Amino acid sequence: MRFRTYKNTDLTVSEVGFGLWTISTGWWGNFTEGEAIALTHKAFDLGVTLFDAADTYGNGLSEELVAKAFPNQRDEIVIATKVCYDFVHHGEARGRGQREIPQDFSPEAVMRATDAALNRLKTDRIDLLQLHNIRMEQVHDDALWKTDIILRMAPGCGISFLRVPGTVARTASFQTRVEC
């Protein structure tokens, strides 16, 4: 496995990551918890260190699977997760399939979602927090990017942020590493 370090950070990840969307949503077949965890372990055994989840994948299930799969390997993996789809209020409305549900990029919602993700992940830090499928209007919303909001999102932990419009990763456009 080859590894890369995100520019201007000390965050090193495997070039191949493991996305938990397919094993936590039911959209790509149904996996038992045991099968899902076995797949993440196999990826880890093959050198994968980057595990990508989202609060909306399985309404929190993808993050719970990371916690269950790696209860003692936290320092050996890189956890990426995404927030801002309002699955708490609209998760059941999606049903089976890939329907879009409302998003909430307000600073308060981002903080609540991040705290909930930390709880589901059973960790004190998120290595890469992504704003899920962010729209340009939010990218340009200064209230979302104020340092005091970012600092309040990281009580006692380090969280890396990459400002990413949509799914296009442009790490040079904005990044902050919060160390507490």
C-alpha atoms as a PDB file:
ATOM      1  CA  MET A   1       0.000   0.000   0.000  1.00  0.00           C
ATOM      2  CA  ARG A   2       1.203   3.480  -0.762  1.00  0.00           C
ATOM      3  CA  PHE A   3       0.486   6.444   1.475  1.00  0.00           C
ATOM      4  CA  ARG A   4       0.137  10.185   1.037  1.00  0.00           C
ATOM      5  CA  THR A   5       0.163  13.101   3.420  1.00  0.00           C
ATOM      6  CA  TYR A   6      -2.460  15.810   3.027  1.00  0.00           C
ATOM      7  CA  LYS A   7      -0.757  19.040   2.034  1.00  0.00           C
ATOM      8  CA  ASN A   8       0.177  21.308   4.957  1.00  0.00           C
ATOM      9  CA  THR A   9      -0.812  18.683   7.547  1.00  0.00           C
ATOM     10  CA  ASP A  10       0.671  15.678   9.312  1.00  0.00           C
ATOM     11  CA  LEU A  11      -2.312  13.534   8.267  1.00  0.00           C
ATOM     12  CA  THR A  12      -1.035  10.522   6.318  1.00  0.00           C
ATOM     13  CA  VAL A  13      -3.519   8.171   4.676  1.00  0.00           C
ATOM     14  CA  SER A  14      -3.469   5.118   2.463  1.00  0.00           C
ATOM     15  CA  GLU A  15      -3.955   5.924  -1.211  1.00  0.00           C
ATOM     16  CA  VAL A  16      -6.879   3.526  -1.213  1.00  0.00           C
ATOM     17  CA  GLY A  17      -9.645   4.222   1.261  1.00  0.00           C
ATOM     18  CA  PHE A  18     -12.622   2.166   2.366  1.00  0.00           C
ATOM     19  CA  GLY A  19     -15.987   3.853   1.978  1.00  0.00           C
ATOM     20  CA  LEU A  20     -18.687   2.564   4.282  1.00  0.00           C
ATOM     21  CA  TRP A  21     -21.583   3.795   2.126  1.00  0.00           C
ATOM     22  CA  THR A  22     -21.949   0.454   0.392  1.00  0.00           C
ATOM     23  CA  ILE A  23     -22.080  -1.619   3.586  1.00  0.00           C
ATOM     24  CA  SER A  24     -24.284   0.639   5.687  1.00  0.00           C
ATOM     25  CA  THR A  25     -27.095   1.925   3.492  1.00  0.00           C
ATOM     26  CA  GLY A  26     -28.695  -1.212   2.072  1.00  0.00           C
ATOM     27  CA  TRP A  27     -28.550   0.344  -1.399  1.00  0.00           C
ATOM     28  CA  TRP A  28     -25.848  -2.079  -2.569  1.00  0.00           C
ATOM     29  CA  GLY A  29     -27.144  -5.198  -0.886  1.00  0.00           C
ATOM     30  CA  ASN A  30     -27.673  -6.103   2.709  1.00  0.00           C
ATOM     31  CA  PHE A  31     -24.727  -6.900   4.943  1.00  0.00           C
ATOM     32  CA  THR A  32     -24.899  -8.239   8.437  1.00  0.00           C
ATOM     33  CA  GLU A  33     -22.917  -6.379  11.050  1.00  0.00           C
ATOM     34  CA  GLY A  34     -20.455  -9.264  11.102  1.00  0.00           C
ATOM     35  CA  GLU A  35     -19.989  -9.169   7.324  1.00  0.00           C
ATOM     36  CA  ALA A  36     -19.524  -5.387   7.338  1.00  0.00           C
ATOM     37  CA  ILE A  37     -16.927  -5.541  10.096  1.00  0.00           C
ATOM     38  CA  ALA A  38     -15.129  -8.430   8.368  1.00  0.00           C
ATOM     39  CA  LEU A  39     -14.874  -6.332   5.185  1.00  0.00           C
ATOM     40  CA  THR A  40     -13.390  -3.367   7.074  1.00  0.00           C
ATOM     41  CA  HIS A  41     -10.912  -5.715   8.798  1.00  0.00           C
ATOM     42  CA  LYS A  42      -9.910  -7.207   5.435  1.00  0.00           C
ATOM     43  CA  ALA A  43      -9.282  -3.713   4.056  1.00  0.00           C
ATOM     44  CA  PHE A  44      -7.179  -2.862   7.127  1.00  0.00           C
ATOM     45  CA  ASP A  45      -5.231  -6.105   6.771  1.00  0.00           C
ATOM     46  CA  LEU A  46      -4.469  -5.114   3.166  1.00  0.00           C
ATOM     47  CA  GLY A  47      -3.043  -1.766   4.304  1.00  0.00           C
ATOM     48  CA  VAL A  48      -6.056   0.537   4.095  1.00  0.00           C
ATOM     49  CA  THR A  49      -5.945   3.166   6.836  1.00  0.00           C
ATOM     50  CA  LEU A  50      -8.548   5.663   5.557  1.00  0.00           C
ATOM     51  CA  PHE A  51     -12.131   4.796   6.479  1.00  0.00           C
ATOM     52  CA  ASP A  52     -14.772   7.133   5.062  1.00  0.00           C
ATOM     53  CA  ALA A  53     -18.187   7.312   6.720  1.00  0.00           C
ATOM     54  CA  ALA A  54     -21.033   9.814   6.966  1.00  0.00           C
ATOM     55  CA  ASP A  55     -23.684  10.483   9.538  1.00  0.00           C
ATOM     56  CA  THR A  56     -26.362   9.953   6.905  1.00  0.00           C
ATOM     57  CA  TYR A  57     -25.025   6.569   5.705  1.00  0.00           C
ATOM     58  CA  GLY A  58     -27.457   4.185   7.314  1.00  0.00           C
ATOM     59  CA  ASN A  59     -28.603   7.025   9.597  1.00  0.00           C
ATOM     60  CA  GLY A  60     -25.403   6.782  11.630  1.00  0.00           C
ATOM     61  CA  LEU A  61     -24.671   3.095  11.018  1.00  0.00           C
ATOM     62  CA  SER A  62     -21.463   3.668   9.034  1.00  0.00           C
ATOM     63  CA  GLU A  63     -19.892   5.543  11.956  1.00  0.00           C
ATOM     64  CA  GLU A  64     -21.060   2.899  14.424  1.00  0.00           C
ATOM     65  CA  LEU A  65     -19.446   0.213  12.246  1.00  0.00           C
ATOM     66  CA  VAL A  66     -16.088   2.030  12.336  1.00  0.00           C
ATOM     67  CA  ALA A  67     -16.272   2.132  16.141  1.00  0.00           C
ATOM     68  CA  LYS A  68     -17.142  -1.561  16.372  1.00  0.00           C
ATOM     69  CA  ALA A  69     -14.535  -2.639  13.818  1.00  0.00           C
ATOM     70  CA  PHE A  70     -11.627  -0.737  15.400  1.00  0.00           C
ATOM     71  CA  PRO A  71     -12.169  -0.385  19.142  1.00  0.00           C
ATOM     72  CA  ASN A  72      -8.438  -0.716  19.880  1.00  0.00           C
ATOM     73  CA  GLN A  73      -6.812   0.567  16.675  1.00  0.00           C
ATOM     74  CA  ARG A  74      -7.825   4.243  16.791  1.00  0.00           C
ATOM     75  CA  ASP A  75      -4.256   5.474  16.344  1.00  0.00           C
ATOM     76  CA  GLU A  76      -3.742   3.152  13.368  1.00  0.00           C
ATOM     77  CA  ILE A  77      -6.647   4.412  11.260  1.00  0.00           C
ATOM     78  CA  VAL A  78      -7.754   7.717   9.779  1.00  0.00           C
ATOM     79  CA  ILE A  79     -11.439   8.466  10.209  1.00  0.00           C
ATOM     80  CA  ALA A  80     -13.159  10.655   7.658  1.00  0.00           C
ATOM     81  CA  THR A  81     -16.816  11.430   8.099  1.00  0.00           C
ATOM     82  CA  LYS A  82     -19.342  13.814   6.657  1.00  0.00           C
ATOM     83  CA  VAL A  83     -22.132  15.877   8.215  1.00  0.00           C
ATOM     84  CA  CYS A  84     -24.998  18.192   7.171  1.00  0.00           C
ATOM     85  CA  TYR A  85     -27.721  15.990   5.722  1.00  0.00           C
ATOM     86  CA  ASP A  86     -30.568  16.323   8.209  1.00  0.00           C
ATOM     87  CA  PHE A  87     -31.278  12.612   8.590  1.00  0.00           C
ATOM     88  CA  VAL A  88     -32.431  13.138  12.182  1.00  0.00           C
ATOM     89  CA  HIS A  89     -35.603  14.841  10.920  1.00  0.00           C
ATOM     90  CA  HIS A  90     -35.781  13.418   7.397  1.00  0.00           C
ATOM     91  CA  GLY A  91     -33.952  10.069   7.385  1.00  0.00           C
ATOM     92  CA  GLU A  92     -37.035   7.920   7.101  1.00  0.00           C
ATOM     93  CA  ALA A  93     -38.455  10.096   4.316  1.00  0.00           C
ATOM     94  CA  ARG A  94     -35.634   8.956   2.032  1.00  0.00           C
ATOM     95  CA  GLY A  95     -36.767   5.351   2.070  1.00  0.00           C
ATOM     96  CA  ARG A  96     -34.790   2.908  -0.005  1.00  0.00           C
ATOM     97  CA  GLY A  97     -32.835   4.531  -2.771  1.00  0.00           C
ATOM     98  CA  GLN A  98     -30.732   7.601  -3.272  1.00  0.00           C
ATOM     99  CA  ARG A  99     -33.200  10.390  -2.705  1.00  0.00           C
ATOM    100  CA  GLU A 100     -31.847  13.723  -1.581  1.00  0.00           C
ATOM    101  CA  ILE A 101     -33.000  14.859   1.854  1.00  0.00           C
ATOM    102  CA  PRO A 102     -32.752  18.390   3.271  1.00  0.00           C
ATOM    103  CA  GLN A 103     -29.428  19.674   4.509  1.00  0.00           C
ATOM    104  CA  ASP A 104     -28.592  22.021   7.372  1.00  0.00           C
ATOM    105  CA  PHE A 105     -25.264  23.837   7.196  1.00  0.00           C
ATOM    106  CA  SER A 106     -25.986  26.222  10.050  1.00  0.00           C
ATOM    107  CA  PRO A 107     -23.066  26.417  12.498  1.00  0.00           C
ATOM    108  CA  GLU A 108     -25.288  25.016  15.250  1.00  0.00           C
ATOM    109  CA  ALA A 109     -26.322  22.031  13.130  1.00  0.00           C
ATOM    110  CA  VAL A 110     -22.723  21.331  12.147  1.00  0.00           C
ATOM    111  CA  MET A 111     -21.703  21.369  15.824  1.00  0.00           C
ATOM    112  CA  ARG A 112     -24.583  19.086  16.844  1.00  0.00           C
ATOM    113  CA  ALA A 113     -23.856  16.668  14.010  1.00  0.00           C
ATOM    114  CA  THR A 114     -20.146  16.625  14.821  1.00  0.00           C
ATOM    115  CA  ASP A 115     -20.788  15.883  18.496  1.00  0.00           C
ATOM    116  CA  ALA A 116     -23.189  13.092  17.521  1.00  0.00           C
ATOM    117  CA  ALA A 117     -20.625  11.662  15.079  1.00  0.00           C
ATOM    118  CA  LEU A 118     -17.946  11.647  17.785  1.00  0.00           C
ATOM    119  CA  ASN A 119     -20.348   9.715  20.034  1.00  0.00           C
ATOM    120  CA  ARG A 120     -21.230   7.163  17.343  1.00  0.00           C
ATOM    121  CA  LEU A 121     -17.557   6.753  16.428  1.00  0.00           C
ATOM    122  CA  LYS A 122     -16.672   6.348  20.123  1.00  0.00           C
ATOM    123  CA  THR A 123     -13.621   8.543  19.651  1.00  0.00           C
ATOM    124  CA  ASP A 124     -12.263  11.846  20.846  1.00  0.00           C
ATOM    125  CA  ARG A 125     -11.305  13.038  17.375  1.00  0.00           C
ATOM    126  CA  ILE A 126     -12.329  13.052  13.737  1.00  0.00           C
ATOM    127  CA  ASP A 127      -9.346  13.180  11.415  1.00  0.00           C
ATOM    128  CA  LEU A 128     -11.167  14.581   8.404  1.00  0.00           C
ATOM    129  CA  LEU A 129     -14.562  16.232   8.797  1.00  0.00           C
ATOM    130  CA  GLN A 130     -16.311  16.903   5.512  1.00  0.00           C
ATOM    131  CA  LEU A 131     -19.398  18.992   4.865  1.00  0.00           C
ATOM    132  CA  HIS A 132     -21.436  16.529   2.844  1.00  0.00           C
ATOM    133  CA  ASN A 133     -22.261  17.632  -0.685  1.00  0.00           C
ATOM    134  CA  ILE A 134     -21.878  21.298   0.216  1.00  0.00           C
ATOM    135  CA  ARG A 135     -23.372  23.863  -2.134  1.00  0.00           C
ATOM    136  CA  MET A 136     -21.577  27.002  -3.285  1.00  0.00           C
ATOM    137  CA  GLU A 137     -23.860  29.232  -1.219  1.00  0.00           C
ATOM    138  CA  GLN A 138     -22.537  27.524   1.923  1.00  0.00           C
ATOM    139  CA  VAL A 139     -18.943  27.612   0.703  1.00  0.00           C
ATOM    140  CA  HIS A 140     -19.254  31.400   0.550  1.00  0.00           C
ATOM    141  CA  ASP A 141     -21.097  31.712   3.884  1.00  0.00           C
ATOM    142  CA  ASP A 142     -18.509  33.279   6.186  1.00  0.00           C
ATOM    143  CA  ALA A 143     -20.510  32.398   9.309  1.00  0.00           C
ATOM    144  CA  LEU A 144     -19.823  28.721   8.658  1.00  0.00           C
ATOM    145  CA  TRP A 145     -16.063  29.196   8.485  1.00  0.00           C
ATOM    146  CA  LYS A 146     -15.429  31.455  11.485  1.00  0.00           C
ATOM    147  CA  THR A 147     -12.611  30.197  13.655  1.00  0.00           C
ATOM    148  CA  ASP A 148     -14.614  30.425  16.877  1.00  0.00           C
ATOM    149  CA  ILE A 149     -17.215  28.046  15.445  1.00  0.00           C
ATOM    150  CA  ILE A 150     -14.548  25.612  14.327  1.00  0.00           C
ATOM    151  CA  LEU A 151     -12.924  25.742  17.753  1.00  0.00           C
ATOM    152  CA  ARG A 152     -16.232  25.078  19.509  1.00  0.00           C
ATOM    153  CA  MET A 153     -16.690  22.052  17.266  1.00  0.00           C
ATOM    154  CA  ALA A 154     -13.551  20.456  18.670  1.00  0.00           C
ATOM    155  CA  PRO A 155     -14.027  20.126  22.436  1.00  0.00           C
ATOM    156  CA  GLY A 156     -10.882  18.382  23.598  1.00  0.00           C
ATOM    157  CA  CYS A 157      -9.979  16.912  20.238  1.00  0.00           C
ATOM    158  CA  GLY A 158      -8.375  17.584  16.875  1.00  0.00           C
ATOM    159  CA  ILE A 159     -10.542  17.897  13.807  1.00  0.00           C
ATOM    160  CA  SER A 160      -9.265  18.597  10.316  1.00  0.00           C
ATOM    161  CA  PHE A 161     -11.455  20.503   7.916  1.00  0.00           C
ATOM    162  CA  LEU A 162     -11.144  20.612   4.179  1.00  0.00           C
ATOM    163  CA  ARG A 163     -13.342  23.163   2.426  1.00  0.00           C
ATOM    164  CA  VAL A 164     -14.681  21.108  -0.424  1.00  0.00           C
ATOM    165  CA  PRO A 165     -17.433  22.185  -2.814  1.00  0.00           C
ATOM    166  CA  GLY A 166     -19.466  19.137  -3.776  1.00  0.00           C
ATOM    167  CA  THR A 167     -17.274  16.092  -4.020  1.00  0.00           C
ATOM    168  CA  VAL A 168     -14.257  17.762  -5.622  1.00  0.00           C
ATOM    169  CA  ALA A 169     -11.366  17.688  -3.149  1.00  0.00           C
ATOM    170  CA  ARG A 170      -9.295  20.840  -3.424  1.00  0.00           C
ATOM    171  CA  THR A 171      -7.214  20.798  -0.268  1.00  0.00           C
ATOM    172  CA  ALA A 172      -5.373  23.973  -1.182  1.00  0.00           C
ATOM    173  CA  SER A 173      -8.548  26.073  -1.107  1.00  0.00           C
ATOM    174  CA  PHE A 174      -9.090  25.926   2.669  1.00  0.00           C
ATOM    175  CA  GLN A 175      -7.923  23.818   5.520  1.00  0.00           C
ATOM    176  CA  THR A 176      -7.543  24.271   9.219  1.00  0.00           C
ATOM    177  CA  ARG A 177      -6.210  21.867  11.775  1.00  0.00           C
ATOM    178  CA  VAL A 178      -7.515  22.393  15.265  1.00  0.00           C
ATOM    179  CA  GLU A 179      -5.338  21.050  18.066  1.00  0.00           C
ATOM    180  CA  CYS A 180      -6.739  21.193  21.585  1.00  0.00           C
END
